[in-house]
Every structure is written in C-alpha cells, then in structure tokens.
C-alpha cells in the first residue's frame, strides 16, 4: 500500500475521506437472483436500502447488513459485493441499510436508523419476501459496532435477532490498548483515522454503552455472536475483549482470529484465501441461526 502511494487526506475531513474511500473495489462478479433497491424505515424518515434475494418467490430468513466506514464513509455500493457473497453463501436474503452518516448525523442518529430499520421490518417483510421473525444482524467495522449496539437496543423485545455476525467490529475507543500500539505505523486503517472517526461520531464526549458496546455493564441475553478478527488491525484487541465479555455473560460466542488479516480483509474474497474463509464462517453462522 505504501509503495502504491496510498495516503490519507491532509487534513482529515469527511468529504475528502468519502472521495477517497466511497468507491467499490473491483471484485469478481457475484450473481444473486434478485437485487433491488428498496426503502426501509429510519428514525427520521425512509432510508435507502438494497435487498438481495437468492430465491425470489420463496420466503427466506434475512441478514440485515450495516456497512462499515467509521460511521462517516461507506455506502450501499461499497458493500454491494460483500452483501451478494453473503446472500449466495448463506442462502438467505440480505438487506443492506443506508443509515445516515456522521459528522452531519452523529451518534445516536446512525444507531437509531439501524434500530428503526429492524423494527420496521415486519411491515415490509411480505414485499421483501423475508420471514419477519427470522433475521440476524451483520456488520463490519463501524457496521459491526452498529450491529452489536442494535442487538443491545433490541434485547428482550419481541422478534429479537437470532444471531449477530461481527467482522472486526469497533467496540471501544481505547486508543492505548495493545493492538493500537502494535499498529501505530498505520495501514489500511490507521490510529489517526480511528481518532477522526470517533470524534465525528461522538464528538468530545465519552461514548455511552450504545456507542461503545463493551462498556455495557450487562451483556447477558444477547443473541449468539460470531466475531471475526484481523491480527494486523488496531481494532483487534477490543473485538477479542468483547468476545470474552460475551462468553462471560453466557452468550454463545464463536471467535475466529485471523493473524494474517488486515482490517477490512473479508471484502477481498476471491482474491485472498483467508477472506474466503472469513466470509464462509460468517455464512455458516447464519445458516446455523436460521436452521
């Protein structure tokens, strides 16, 4: 990456970050029988979303996908390939949600959008061809944060998610933990970027448990979790610690730690064997949840 001239915008600024990062990576084509743009409920009005349905005409369970991007970048397009691959491998529908982004819409707006999209799913289930009572939450990076926080928000409510699949999730803002120190030189995700993203999301305030789920005093009663981590990632240690907290709370938790992975590596499926493995693990977790 360094040899290719990869460099962050200077200074870090939301629109400059979007110009650099909101472009889908060229990926091998992944065919899904039906892909259509739809709307879902948001906290302040309808939101754009995209539905991936591998078996039109059948009612399928659905994985609700929240894209990564530090709550600032990322779109339905940047995660189109990953959504397609999950639908293909898990054999379920995937609903990718275009929640509002910081800093224009800081916490709790993105989370409230994600919760509203899930809570509004029953009313839209028939038109989407999905089973309103059989859904899971999936997210990568900041999307993993939103999936974990949505699971916390919906705990104990009717029609709670059956599972949560978190790819290298943002769980805390402890910039002094071991993996932040180990990855201080930077890479695809740098410490500097994470400081920028957190400030865009929560400002100068300390995050609450719904912004930093590991700060929740009680994690019991959450849906089974599958957590997939990258060893060469500032977020590694917080994801590992969250998995341990979930297990201590009695939540069935599968932890998969790819020592050779960098942040975002699952999106390189078809190009990297460990990315193929990571997506397969996430898809297998969905199949178990929906069995």
Protein backbone atom coordinates (compact mmCIF):
# COMPACT_ATOMS: atom_id res chain seq x y z
CA UNK A 1 0.00 0.00 0.00
CA UNK A 2 2.83 2.37 0.85
CA UNK A 3 4.54 1.58 -2.46
CA UNK A 4 1.33 2.36 -4.35
CA UNK A 5 1.23 5.84 -2.85
CA UNK A 6 -1.74 5.27 -0.52
CA UNK A 7 -2.07 8.29 1.74
CA UNK A 8 -4.79 9.80 3.88
CA UNK A 9 -6.24 13.23 3.04
CA UNK A 10 -4.48 16.02 4.90
CA UNK A 11 -6.22 17.30 6.90
CA UNK A 12 -8.70 14.53 7.63
CA UNK A 13 -12.13 15.75 6.59
CA UNK A 14 -15.36 13.88 5.91
CA UNK A 15 -15.85 14.78 2.24
CA UNK A 16 -12.20 14.14 1.42
CA UNK A 17 -12.44 10.75 3.12
CA UNK A 18 -15.56 9.95 1.12
CA UNK A 19 -13.91 10.94 -2.14
CA UNK A 20 -11.04 8.58 -1.37
CA UNK A 21 -12.93 5.62 0.10
CA UNK A 22 -16.50 5.57 -1.25
CA UNK A 23 -15.53 3.68 -4.38
CA UNK A 24 -16.29 -0.04 -4.62
CA UNK A 25 -13.28 -2.28 -5.04
CA UNK A 26 -13.19 -4.18 -8.34
CA UNK A 27 -14.31 -7.68 -7.38
CA UNK A 28 -15.21 -10.89 -9.17
CA UNK A 29 -18.92 -10.78 -10.10
CA UNK A 30 -21.29 -12.47 -7.65
CA UNK A 31 -24.65 -13.36 -9.13
CA UNK A 32 -27.77 -13.19 -6.96
CA UNK A 33 -31.15 -13.97 -8.50
CA UNK A 34 -32.81 -10.76 -7.36
CA UNK A 35 -31.17 -7.48 -6.37
CA UNK A 36 -33.32 -4.39 -5.99
CA UNK A 37 -33.17 -1.01 -4.34
CA UNK A 38 -35.84 -0.55 -1.69
CA UNK A 39 -36.66 1.72 1.25
CA UNK A 40 -36.67 0.90 4.94
CA UNK A 41 -37.77 2.85 7.97
CA UNK A 42 -35.26 5.25 9.51
CA UNK A 43 -35.51 7.24 12.71
CA UNK A 44 -36.15 10.47 10.76
CA UNK A 45 -37.82 9.10 7.63
CA UNK A 46 -37.28 6.49 4.92
CA UNK A 47 -33.76 5.27 4.20
CA UNK A 48 -32.26 3.78 1.05
CA UNK A 49 -31.58 0.07 1.25
CA UNK A 50 -30.80 -2.80 -1.08
CA UNK A 51 -32.37 -6.24 -0.99
CA UNK A 52 -30.54 -9.34 -2.19
CA UNK A 53 -32.79 -12.39 -2.58
CA UNK A 54 -31.31 -15.65 -3.89
CA UNK A 55 -34.69 -17.39 -4.30
CA UNK A 56 -37.40 -14.98 -5.49
CA UNK A 57 -40.85 -16.27 -4.73
CA UNK A 58 -39.74 -18.01 -1.54
CA UNK A 59 -39.90 -16.53 1.93
CA UNK A 60 -36.38 -16.57 3.34
CA UNK A 61 -34.70 -15.54 6.57
CA UNK A 62 -32.80 -12.29 6.23
CA UNK A 63 -29.43 -10.93 7.31
CA UNK A 64 -29.67 -7.18 7.97
CA UNK A 65 -26.31 -5.72 6.95
CA UNK A 66 -24.85 -2.48 8.29
CA UNK A 67 -21.85 -1.32 6.26
CA UNK A 68 -18.55 -0.21 7.73
CA UNK A 69 -16.73 3.07 7.18
CA UNK A 70 -16.20 4.67 10.57
CA UNK A 71 -19.81 5.97 10.61
CA UNK A 72 -18.52 8.58 8.11
CA UNK A 73 -17.88 6.76 4.83
CA UNK A 74 -19.30 3.67 3.18
CA UNK A 75 -22.38 3.23 1.02
CA UNK A 76 -24.65 0.55 -0.35
CA UNK A 77 -22.27 0.39 -3.30
CA UNK A 78 -19.07 -0.14 -1.30
CA UNK A 79 -20.63 -3.20 0.32
CA UNK A 80 -22.58 -4.49 -2.66
CA UNK A 81 -20.13 -7.32 -3.37
CA UNK A 82 -19.98 -8.45 0.25
CA UNK A 83 -23.77 -8.42 0.52
CA UNK A 84 -24.04 -10.51 -2.64
CA UNK A 85 -21.49 -13.01 -1.37
CA UNK A 86 -23.25 -13.43 1.98
CA UNK A 87 -26.59 -13.98 0.24
CA UNK A 88 -25.03 -16.51 -2.11
CA UNK A 89 -23.15 -18.49 0.54
CA UNK A 90 -25.70 -18.34 3.36
CA UNK A 91 -28.69 -18.93 1.11
CA UNK A 92 -30.62 -16.19 2.87
CA UNK A 93 -31.84 -12.77 1.86
CA UNK A 94 -29.62 -9.81 2.74
CA UNK A 95 -30.97 -6.33 3.46
CA UNK A 96 -28.23 -3.68 3.29
CA UNK A 97 -29.19 -0.47 5.09
CA UNK A 98 -28.03 3.01 4.08
CA UNK A 99 -28.12 4.67 7.50
CA UNK A 100 -27.31 8.36 7.99
CA UNK A 101 -23.64 9.23 8.41
CA UNK A 102 -21.59 11.36 10.78
CA UNK A 103 -20.44 14.06 11.26
CA UNK A 104 -23.60 15.51 9.71
CA UNK A 105 -25.61 12.98 11.71
CA UNK A 106 -23.59 12.00 14.80
CA UNK A 107 -24.50 9.46 17.48
CA UNK A 108 -27.16 8.36 18.09
CA UNK A 109 -28.61 9.03 14.61
CA UNK A 110 -26.90 6.13 12.76
CA UNK A 111 -27.82 3.69 15.52
CA UNK A 112 -31.41 4.93 15.72
CA UNK A 113 -31.69 4.43 11.96
CA UNK A 114 -30.45 0.85 12.25
CA UNK A 115 -32.86 0.07 15.08
CA UNK A 116 -35.75 1.66 13.18
CA UNK A 117 -34.92 -0.34 10.05
CA UNK A 118 -35.07 -3.57 12.04
CA UNK A 119 -38.20 -2.62 13.97
CA UNK A 120 -39.91 -1.68 10.71
CA UNK A 121 -39.00 -4.96 9.03
CA UNK A 122 -42.26 -6.79 9.92
CA UNK A 123 -44.34 -4.30 7.95
CA UNK A 124 -42.12 -4.73 4.89
CA UNK A 125 -41.39 -8.44 5.18
CA UNK A 126 -44.06 -9.64 2.76
CA UNK A 127 -42.98 -7.27 -0.02
CA UNK A 128 -39.33 -8.22 0.57
CA UNK A 129 -40.06 -11.96 0.57
CA UNK A 130 -38.50 -12.46 4.01
CA UNK A 131 -39.56 -14.03 7.28
CA UNK A 132 -40.17 -11.24 9.80
CA UNK A 133 -39.23 -13.47 12.74
CA UNK A 134 -36.03 -15.00 11.34
CA UNK A 135 -33.36 -12.36 10.99
CA UNK A 136 -29.77 -11.77 12.05
CA UNK A 137 -27.58 -8.68 12.30
CA UNK A 138 -24.35 -8.46 10.31
CA UNK A 139 -21.80 -5.68 10.17
CA UNK A 140 -18.16 -4.94 9.51
CA UNK A 141 -16.07 -2.38 11.39
CA UNK A 142 -18.38 0.52 12.31
CA UNK A 143 -21.19 -1.58 10.90
CA UNK A 144 -20.19 -4.27 13.39
CA UNK A 145 -20.46 -1.63 16.09
CA UNK A 146 -23.97 -0.76 14.89
CA UNK A 147 -24.96 -4.43 14.73
CA UNK A 148 -23.73 -5.01 18.29
CA UNK A 149 -25.43 -1.85 19.56
CA UNK A 150 -28.66 -2.73 17.75
CA UNK A 151 -28.61 -6.13 19.43
CA UNK A 152 -28.23 -4.36 22.78
CA UNK A 153 -31.07 -1.98 21.94
CA UNK A 154 -33.42 -4.82 20.98
CA UNK A 155 -32.55 -7.15 23.86
CA UNK A 156 -35.66 -8.57 25.47
CA UNK A 157 -38.01 -7.17 22.84
CA UNK A 158 -40.32 -9.29 20.67
CA UNK A 159 -38.72 -10.59 17.48
CA UNK A 160 -35.15 -10.07 18.68
CA UNK A 161 -32.39 -11.12 16.26
CA UNK A 162 -31.39 -14.77 16.13
CA UNK A 163 -27.68 -14.01 15.76
CA UNK A 164 -25.08 -11.31 15.32
CA UNK A 165 -22.12 -11.68 12.95
CA UNK A 166 -19.44 -9.06 13.54
CA UNK A 167 -16.44 -8.63 11.26
CA UNK A 168 -13.61 -6.75 13.07
CA UNK A 169 -16.12 -4.54 14.92
CA UNK A 170 -15.47 -1.16 16.53
CA UNK A 171 -16.25 -1.82 20.20
CA UNK A 172 -14.41 0.85 22.21
CA UNK A 173 -12.28 3.97 21.84
CA UNK A 174 -9.29 2.90 23.93
CA UNK A 175 -6.51 4.13 21.65
CA UNK A 176 -3.83 2.88 24.05
CA UNK A 177 -4.61 -0.82 24.00
CA UNK A 178 -2.13 -3.37 22.68
CA UNK A 179 -3.36 -3.60 19.10
CA UNK A 180 -3.50 0.17 18.72
CA UNK A 181 0.12 0.36 19.89
CA UNK A 182 1.15 -2.54 17.64
CA UNK A 183 -0.44 -0.94 14.58
CA UNK A 184 0.65 2.63 15.25
CA UNK A 185 2.58 2.74 11.96
CA UNK A 186 -0.72 2.64 10.12
CA UNK A 187 -2.10 0.61 7.25
CA UNK A 188 -5.49 0.32 5.64
CA UNK A 189 -6.95 1.53 8.96
CA UNK A 190 -4.69 3.80 10.97
CA UNK A 191 -4.93 5.01 14.55
CA UNK A 192 -5.27 8.53 13.19
CA UNK A 193 -8.30 7.50 11.17
CA UNK A 194 -9.98 5.90 14.18
CA UNK A 195 -9.46 9.03 16.28
CA UNK A 196 -11.05 11.03 13.45
CA UNK A 197 -13.98 8.61 13.12
CA UNK A 198 -14.72 8.57 16.85
CA UNK A 199 -14.65 12.36 17.03
CA UNK A 200 -17.05 12.56 14.07
CA UNK A 201 -19.38 10.07 15.75
CA UNK A 202 -19.48 11.21 19.39
CA UNK A 203 -17.58 14.50 19.41
CA UNK A 204 -15.51 15.11 22.53
CA UNK A 205 -17.85 13.16 24.81
CA UNK A 206 -17.04 9.76 26.23
CA UNK A 207 -19.15 7.18 24.39
CA UNK A 208 -22.08 5.51 26.10
CA UNK A 209 -22.55 1.76 26.02
CA UNK A 210 -24.63 2.05 22.85
CA UNK A 211 -21.70 3.76 21.12
CA UNK A 212 -19.06 1.52 22.73
CA UNK A 213 -20.84 -1.78 23.49
CA UNK A 214 -18.05 -3.21 25.63
CA UNK A 215 -18.95 -0.56 28.21
CA UNK A 216 -22.33 -2.18 28.85
CA UNK A 217 -22.48 -3.46 32.42
CA UNK A 218 -24.61 -6.43 31.44
CA UNK A 219 -24.25 -8.33 28.18
CA UNK A 220 -26.44 -11.27 29.11
CA UNK A 221 -29.42 -12.18 26.98
CA UNK A 222 -27.86 -11.10 23.69
CA UNK A 223 -28.13 -13.27 20.57
CA UNK A 224 -25.34 -15.75 19.77
CA UNK A 225 -22.35 -13.98 18.29
CA UNK A 226 -19.77 -14.82 15.67
CA UNK A 227 -16.82 -12.45 15.82
CA UNK A 228 -14.15 -12.44 13.10
CA UNK A 229 -10.95 -10.52 13.80
CA UNK A 230 -7.81 -9.46 11.94
CA UNK A 231 -4.46 -9.70 13.69
CA UNK A 232 -2.99 -6.65 11.95
CA UNK A 233 -5.73 -4.25 12.95
CA UNK A 234 -5.98 -1.53 15.61
CA UNK A 235 -9.41 -2.95 16.48
CA UNK A 236 -8.19 -6.48 17.19
CA UNK A 237 -7.91 -6.33 20.96
CA UNK A 238 -11.25 -4.65 21.61
CA UNK A 239 -13.00 -7.24 19.46
CA UNK A 240 -11.25 -10.03 21.35
CA UNK A 241 -12.16 -8.47 24.69
CA UNK A 242 -15.80 -8.16 23.60
CA UNK A 243 -15.92 -11.83 22.68
CA UNK A 244 -14.59 -12.71 26.15
CA UNK A 245 -17.17 -10.44 27.80
CA UNK A 246 -19.97 -12.06 25.82
CA UNK A 247 -18.82 -15.53 26.83
CA UNK A 248 -18.58 -14.48 30.48
CA UNK A 249 -22.18 -13.25 30.22
CA UNK A 250 -23.31 -16.62 28.92
CA UNK A 251 -23.78 -15.58 25.30
CA UNK A 252 -22.73 -18.35 22.87
CA UNK A 253 -19.81 -16.76 21.04
CA UNK A 254 -17.63 -18.13 18.26
CA UNK A 255 -14.35 -16.25 17.88
CA UNK A 256 -12.25 -16.54 14.73
CA UNK A 257 -8.92 -14.72 14.82
CA UNK A 258 -7.01 -14.40 11.54
CA UNK A 259 -3.45 -13.50 12.49
CA UNK A 260 -2.57 -12.61 8.89
CA UNK A 261 -5.58 -10.37 8.30
CA UNK A 262 -5.71 -6.59 7.97
CA UNK A 263 -8.75 -4.51 8.76
CA UNK A 264 -11.37 -5.00 6.06
CA UNK A 265 -9.84 -8.22 4.74
CA UNK A 266 -13.14 -10.11 4.38
CA UNK A 267 -14.06 -7.84 1.48
CA UNK A 268 -11.16 -9.33 -0.52
CA UNK A 269 -12.95 -12.65 -1.05
CA UNK A 270 -11.99 -14.26 -4.33
CA UNK A 271 -8.56 -12.65 -4.02
CA UNK A 272 -7.37 -13.83 -0.61
CA UNK A 273 -7.86 -17.33 0.85
CA UNK A 274 -8.36 -16.01 4.38
CA UNK A 275 -11.05 -13.64 3.10
CA UNK A 276 -12.84 -16.61 1.56
CA UNK A 277 -12.58 -18.42 4.89
CA UNK A 278 -13.88 -15.44 6.85
CA UNK A 279 -16.95 -14.98 4.67
CA UNK A 280 -17.60 -18.73 4.77
CA UNK A 281 -17.52 -18.63 8.57
CA UNK A 282 -19.99 -15.76 8.67
CA UNK A 283 -22.28 -17.52 6.21
CA UNK A 284 -22.09 -20.76 8.20
CA UNK A 285 -23.08 -18.87 11.36
CA UNK A 286 -26.14 -17.50 9.56
CA UNK A 287 -27.11 -20.96 8.31
CA UNK A 288 -26.94 -22.31 11.88
CA UNK A 289 -29.02 -19.44 13.21
CA UNK A 290 -31.68 -19.94 10.56
CA UNK A 291 -31.76 -23.74 10.66
